[in-house]
Protein backbone atom coordinates (compact mmCIF):
# COMPACT_ATOMS: atom_id res chain seq x y z
CA MET A 1 -97.78 33.16 -28.73
CA ASN A 2 -99.27 34.63 -25.55
CA LEU A 3 -102.29 33.05 -23.83
CA VAL A 4 -104.20 34.44 -20.86
CA LEU A 5 -106.11 31.88 -18.80
CA ASP A 6 -108.66 32.73 -16.11
CA ASP A 7 -109.29 30.41 -13.13
CA ALA A 8 -106.21 28.30 -13.95
CA GLU A 9 -105.28 25.41 -11.66
CA GLU A 10 -102.13 23.37 -11.22
CA VAL A 11 -103.04 19.67 -10.93
CA SER A 12 -100.64 17.21 -9.30
CA ILE A 13 -101.33 13.59 -10.22
CA LYS A 14 -98.83 12.19 -7.69
CA LYS A 15 -100.13 14.23 -4.74
CA LYS A 16 -103.75 14.13 -5.97
CA SER A 17 -104.11 17.83 -5.27
CA ARG A 18 -105.15 21.04 -7.03
CA LYS A 19 -103.66 24.50 -6.53
CA SER A 20 -105.66 27.51 -7.69
CA LEU A 21 -103.48 29.92 -9.70
CA GLY A 22 -106.14 32.41 -10.81
CA ARG A 23 -105.30 34.40 -13.95
CA ILE A 24 -102.02 33.44 -15.62
CA LEU A 25 -100.11 34.46 -18.74
CA LEU A 26 -98.43 31.74 -20.81
CA LYS A 27 -95.70 33.12 -23.04
CA GLY A 28 -93.72 31.15 -25.57
CA ASP A 29 -93.47 29.54 -28.97
CA ASN A 30 -93.63 25.94 -27.70
CA ILE A 31 -96.83 25.56 -25.68
CA THR A 32 -97.39 21.85 -26.28
CA LEU A 33 -100.24 20.71 -24.04
CA MET A 34 -103.39 22.20 -22.57
CA MET A 35 -106.19 19.98 -21.37
CA ASN A 36 -109.56 20.11 -19.68
CA THR A 37 -109.39 18.27 -16.36
CA GLY A 38 -113.14 17.68 -16.20
CA LYS A 39 -113.61 19.71 -13.03
């Protein structure tokens, strides 16, 4: 499975920060979690 995500962000709970990643490609057969962070 390949997924392309626009405006992706990396969210760190411990640091309470967000890092903008832009457009990313997720490749793999075991993508287990995707969630809306309520931005």
